[in-house]
Amino acid sequence: MRLLVVEDDIRLCDVLRRGLVEQGHVVDVAHDGEEGQSWAQGAPYDAVILDVNLPKRDGLTVVRSLREHRVRTPVLMLTSRDTPADAIAGLDAGADDYLRKPFVFGELEARLRTIVRRHDAAQALDAHLHVSDLRFNLKSRRAQRGERRIDLTAREAAFLEYFMRNAGRVVTRAMIEDALFERESETTSNVVEVYVSRLRAKLTASREPQLLHTVRGAGYRFGER
């Protein structure tokens, strides 16, 4: 799994990262709420491990904002608070589960597996993304606008899925690169623009209204105007 750990306790964060990597997971880390929210909104994680008490933006605010922006990535919240009211607040904010510190690493892993399975099962019930008259099948990777089928390459399909999952939001070039390309790989200066241009052409091949818009000085926004 690809996981994001958002924890301001550097020692605990390092322990979590090393333990999860040893179990075969790919792990990114952030140490404050603003950074964590940015990563969670810009990359396709399988789950987020999110501390409640964070600098700049607390965990409850982060998970609430993620849900408002239609980011459905499973979230496991960590906290040193131990009252039922705290757990209820986290779950009401949009978290999928709640784990109190200190905890056993095995329990954290088990809870992660549970929320990811639950999320996958829910996604399987609706294996399509819809924006306006555009429909994208997550299993077959096929797109259709109205009655017209749109043939896409694997990379074009990945771009389309990313834009549709973030419909209505402004996404930057850097966010797209982080989500769709390996961090270590270098992308040419105009690779994002090339794929955006190709996708636009295919989406409007029959003169349909444009769905992929450029936001000058900021990035792109997907959806009706």
Protein backbone atom coordinates (compact mmCIF):
# COMPACT_ATOMS: atom_id res chain seq x y z
CA MET A 1 0.00 0.00 0.00
CA ARG A 2 0.99 3.62 -0.48
CA LEU A 3 0.53 5.38 2.85
CA LEU A 4 0.83 8.91 4.18
CA VAL A 5 1.83 9.46 7.83
CA VAL A 6 1.05 12.93 9.23
CA GLU A 7 2.63 13.17 12.68
CA ASP A 8 4.56 16.03 14.32
CA ASP A 9 6.36 13.75 16.80
CA ILE A 10 9.50 13.15 14.72
CA ARG A 11 10.55 10.07 16.68
CA LEU A 12 7.14 8.39 16.44
CA CYS A 13 6.86 9.34 12.79
CA ASP A 14 10.21 7.71 12.04
CA VAL A 15 9.25 4.56 13.96
CA LEU A 16 6.00 4.31 12.02
CA ARG A 17 7.69 4.93 8.69
CA ARG A 18 10.39 2.32 9.28
CA GLY A 19 7.89 -0.25 10.56
CA LEU A 20 5.53 0.22 7.64
CA VAL A 21 8.34 0.15 5.08
CA GLU A 22 9.60 -3.11 6.59
CA GLN A 23 6.11 -4.53 5.96
CA GLY A 24 6.42 -3.66 2.28
CA HIS A 25 4.49 -0.39 2.17
CA VAL A 26 5.50 2.83 0.39
CA VAL A 27 5.38 5.62 2.96
CA ASP A 28 5.41 9.42 2.70
CA VAL A 29 5.56 11.60 5.80
CA ALA A 30 4.43 15.10 6.75
CA HIS A 31 4.94 16.90 10.06
CA ASP A 32 2.15 19.50 10.11
CA GLY A 33 -1.48 19.69 9.08
CA GLU A 34 -1.05 22.01 6.11
CA GLU A 35 1.64 19.84 4.53
CA GLY A 36 -0.32 16.69 5.29
CA GLN A 37 -3.50 18.01 3.70
CA SER A 38 -1.59 19.11 0.60
CA TRP A 39 -0.07 15.64 0.16
CA ALA A 40 -3.36 13.87 0.84
CA GLN A 41 -5.18 15.98 -1.76
CA GLY A 42 -2.48 15.66 -4.38
CA ALA A 43 -1.54 11.98 -4.38
CA PRO A 44 -3.50 8.69 -4.63
CA TYR A 45 -2.82 7.15 -1.21
CA ASP A 46 -4.39 3.90 -0.03
CA ALA A 47 -4.71 5.32 3.49
CA VAL A 48 -3.64 8.24 5.68
CA ILE A 49 -2.44 7.93 9.27
CA LEU A 50 -3.28 11.31 10.79
CA ASP A 51 -2.45 12.69 14.22
CA VAL A 52 -5.05 14.91 15.88
CA ASN A 53 -2.72 17.43 17.53
CA LEU A 54 -0.73 18.97 14.68
CA PRO A 55 0.85 22.38 14.14
CA LYS A 56 -0.59 24.82 11.58
CA ARG A 57 -3.79 22.78 11.12
CA ASP A 58 -5.14 20.15 13.51
CA GLY A 59 -6.10 16.67 12.34
CA LEU A 60 -9.84 17.20 12.73
CA THR A 61 -9.70 20.24 10.48
CA VAL A 62 -7.59 18.35 7.96
CA VAL A 63 -9.89 15.33 7.65
CA ARG A 64 -12.97 17.55 7.53
CA SER A 65 -11.41 19.58 4.71
CA LEU A 66 -10.42 16.45 2.81
CA ARG A 67 -14.00 15.19 2.87
CA GLU A 68 -15.31 18.60 1.79
CA HIS A 69 -12.95 18.39 -1.19
CA ARG A 70 -14.28 14.90 -2.00
CA VAL A 71 -11.04 13.12 -1.05
CA ARG A 72 -12.29 9.70 0.10
CA THR A 73 -8.95 8.16 1.07
CA PRO A 74 -9.37 6.11 4.29
CA VAL A 75 -8.09 7.99 7.36
CA LEU A 76 -6.88 6.42 10.62
CA MET A 77 -6.60 9.09 13.30
CA LEU A 78 -4.05 8.91 16.12
CA THR A 79 -4.46 10.75 19.41
CA SER A 80 -3.28 10.81 23.00
CA ARG A 81 -6.80 11.83 24.08
CA ASP A 82 -8.78 9.00 25.59
CA THR A 83 -12.38 10.09 26.03
CA PRO A 84 -15.30 8.72 23.95
CA ALA A 85 -16.15 12.30 22.96
CA ASP A 86 -12.77 12.65 21.26
CA ALA A 87 -13.29 9.46 19.26
CA ILE A 88 -16.77 10.59 18.26
CA ALA A 89 -15.41 13.99 17.15
CA GLY A 90 -12.83 12.30 14.92
CA LEU A 91 -15.33 9.93 13.33
CA ASP A 92 -17.88 12.72 12.83
CA ALA A 93 -15.20 14.80 11.09
CA GLY A 94 -14.81 12.05 8.51
CA ALA A 95 -12.16 9.68 9.87
CA ASP A 96 -12.65 5.95 9.23
CA ASP A 97 -11.13 4.76 12.50
CA TYR A 98 -9.52 6.10 15.66
CA LEU A 99 -6.49 4.71 17.53
CA ARG A 100 -5.32 5.95 20.91
CA LYS A 101 -1.65 6.35 21.84
CA PRO A 102 0.28 4.42 22.95
CA PHE A 103 -0.65 1.57 20.64
CA VAL A 104 0.74 -1.75 19.48
CA PHE A 105 2.10 -1.60 15.94
CA GLY A 106 0.26 -4.79 15.00
CA GLU A 107 -3.06 -3.22 15.94
CA LEU A 108 -2.32 -0.19 13.77
CA GLU A 109 -1.61 -2.46 10.80
CA ALA A 110 -4.78 -4.46 11.40
CA ARG A 111 -6.88 -1.31 11.55
CA LEU A 112 -5.27 -0.04 8.34
CA ARG A 113 -6.12 -3.28 6.54
CA THR A 114 -9.70 -3.07 7.79
CA ILE A 115 -10.39 0.49 6.62
CA VAL A 116 -8.72 -0.13 3.26
CA ARG A 117 -10.79 -3.30 2.68
CA ARG A 118 -13.94 -1.40 3.63
CA HIS A 119 -13.04 1.41 1.25
CA ASP A 120 -12.27 -1.01 -1.60
CA ALA A 121 -15.57 -2.80 -1.06
CA ALA A 122 -17.47 0.48 -1.22
CA GLN A 123 -15.64 1.48 -4.39
CA ALA A 124 -16.46 -1.84 -6.01
CA LEU A 125 -20.16 -1.01 -5.68
CA ASP A 126 -19.64 2.10 -7.80
CA ALA A 127 -16.80 1.45 -10.22
CA HIS A 128 -17.50 4.55 -12.30
CA LEU A 129 -16.64 8.23 -12.08
CA HIS A 130 -19.13 10.77 -13.48
CA VAL A 131 -18.59 14.42 -14.36
CA SER A 132 -21.22 16.14 -16.47
CA ASP A 133 -21.94 13.77 -19.38
CA LEU A 134 -18.55 12.04 -19.04
CA ARG A 135 -18.34 8.55 -17.55
CA PHE A 136 -15.13 6.67 -16.69
CA ASN A 137 -15.07 2.97 -15.80
CA LEU A 138 -12.41 2.37 -13.15
CA LYS A 139 -12.15 -1.34 -13.95
CA SER A 140 -12.07 -1.35 -17.75
CA ARG A 141 -10.34 2.08 -17.88
CA ARG A 142 -12.75 3.12 -20.62
CA ALA A 143 -14.32 6.54 -20.99
CA GLN A 144 -17.57 7.53 -22.61
CA ARG A 145 -19.04 10.96 -23.24
CA GLY A 146 -22.75 10.73 -23.88
CA GLU A 147 -23.01 7.86 -26.35
CA ARG A 148 -19.49 8.37 -27.71
CA ARG A 149 -16.69 6.07 -26.60
CA ILE A 150 -13.32 7.74 -26.04
CA ASP A 151 -10.19 5.67 -26.70
CA LEU A 152 -7.41 6.49 -24.24
CA THR A 153 -3.86 5.35 -23.70
CA ALA A 154 -2.98 4.07 -20.23
CA ARG A 155 -1.31 7.38 -19.32
CA GLU A 156 -4.21 9.43 -20.68
CA ALA A 157 -6.62 7.30 -18.63
CA ALA A 158 -4.53 7.98 -15.52
CA PHE A 159 -4.69 11.72 -16.18
CA LEU A 160 -8.44 11.57 -16.74
CA GLU A 161 -9.04 9.61 -13.53
CA TYR A 162 -6.96 12.10 -11.55
CA PHE A 163 -8.84 15.09 -12.97
CA MET A 164 -12.25 13.46 -12.45
CA ARG A 165 -11.44 12.51 -8.85
CA ASN A 166 -10.50 16.15 -8.26
CA ALA A 167 -13.35 17.69 -10.25
CA GLY A 168 -14.13 21.26 -9.24
CA ARG A 169 -10.73 21.80 -7.59
CA VAL A 170 -7.76 23.66 -8.97
CA VAL A 171 -4.82 21.27 -9.31
CA THR A 172 -1.32 22.50 -10.00
CA ARG A 173 1.28 21.06 -12.34
CA ALA A 174 3.33 19.98 -9.31
CA MET A 175 0.33 18.15 -7.81
CA ILE A 176 -0.21 16.28 -11.08
CA GLU A 177 3.45 15.29 -11.30
CA ASP A 178 3.47 14.08 -7.70
CA ALA A 179 0.32 12.02 -8.25
CA LEU A 180 1.12 10.50 -11.64
CA PHE A 181 4.90 10.24 -11.82
CA GLU A 182 7.49 8.68 -9.54
CA ARG A 183 9.06 11.27 -7.25
CA GLU A 184 12.54 10.17 -8.24
CA SER A 185 11.87 10.31 -11.99
CA GLU A 186 12.41 13.46 -13.97
CA THR A 187 9.66 14.71 -16.21
CA THR A 188 10.31 16.91 -19.21
CA SER A 189 9.30 20.53 -18.91
CA ASN A 190 6.07 20.14 -20.90
CA VAL A 191 4.98 16.54 -20.31
CA VAL A 192 1.91 17.56 -18.30
CA GLU A 193 0.89 20.11 -20.92
CA VAL A 194 1.25 17.50 -23.68
CA TYR A 195 -1.09 15.05 -21.95
CA VAL A 196 -3.56 17.79 -21.06
CA SER A 197 -3.66 18.86 -24.72
CA ARG A 198 -4.22 15.28 -25.91
CA LEU A 199 -6.95 14.70 -23.34
CA ARG A 200 -8.73 17.92 -24.24
CA ALA A 201 -8.73 16.99 -27.90
CA LYS A 202 -10.22 13.57 -27.23
CA LEU A 203 -12.85 14.87 -24.81
CA THR A 204 -14.12 17.41 -27.36
CA ALA A 205 -13.62 15.44 -30.58
CA SER A 206 -17.33 15.79 -31.38
CA ARG A 207 -17.44 19.47 -30.37
CA GLU A 208 -18.73 18.84 -26.86
CA PRO A 209 -18.26 21.63 -24.26
CA GLN A 210 -14.77 21.67 -22.76
CA LEU A 211 -14.40 20.10 -19.31
CA LEU A 212 -10.65 20.55 -18.76
CA HIS A 213 -9.95 24.21 -18.12
CA THR A 214 -6.71 26.12 -17.58
CA VAL A 215 -6.69 28.41 -14.57
CA ARG A 216 -4.16 31.04 -15.49
CA GLY A 217 -1.23 31.19 -13.10
CA ALA A 218 -2.54 28.32 -11.01
CA GLY A 219 -3.13 25.06 -12.90
CA TYR A 220 -6.19 23.22 -14.13
CA ARG A 221 -9.79 22.65 -13.12
CA PHE A 222 -12.00 19.83 -14.34
CA GLY A 223 -15.75 20.21 -14.74
CA GLU A 224 -18.38 22.43 -16.26
CA ARG A 225 -17.80 26.17 -16.08
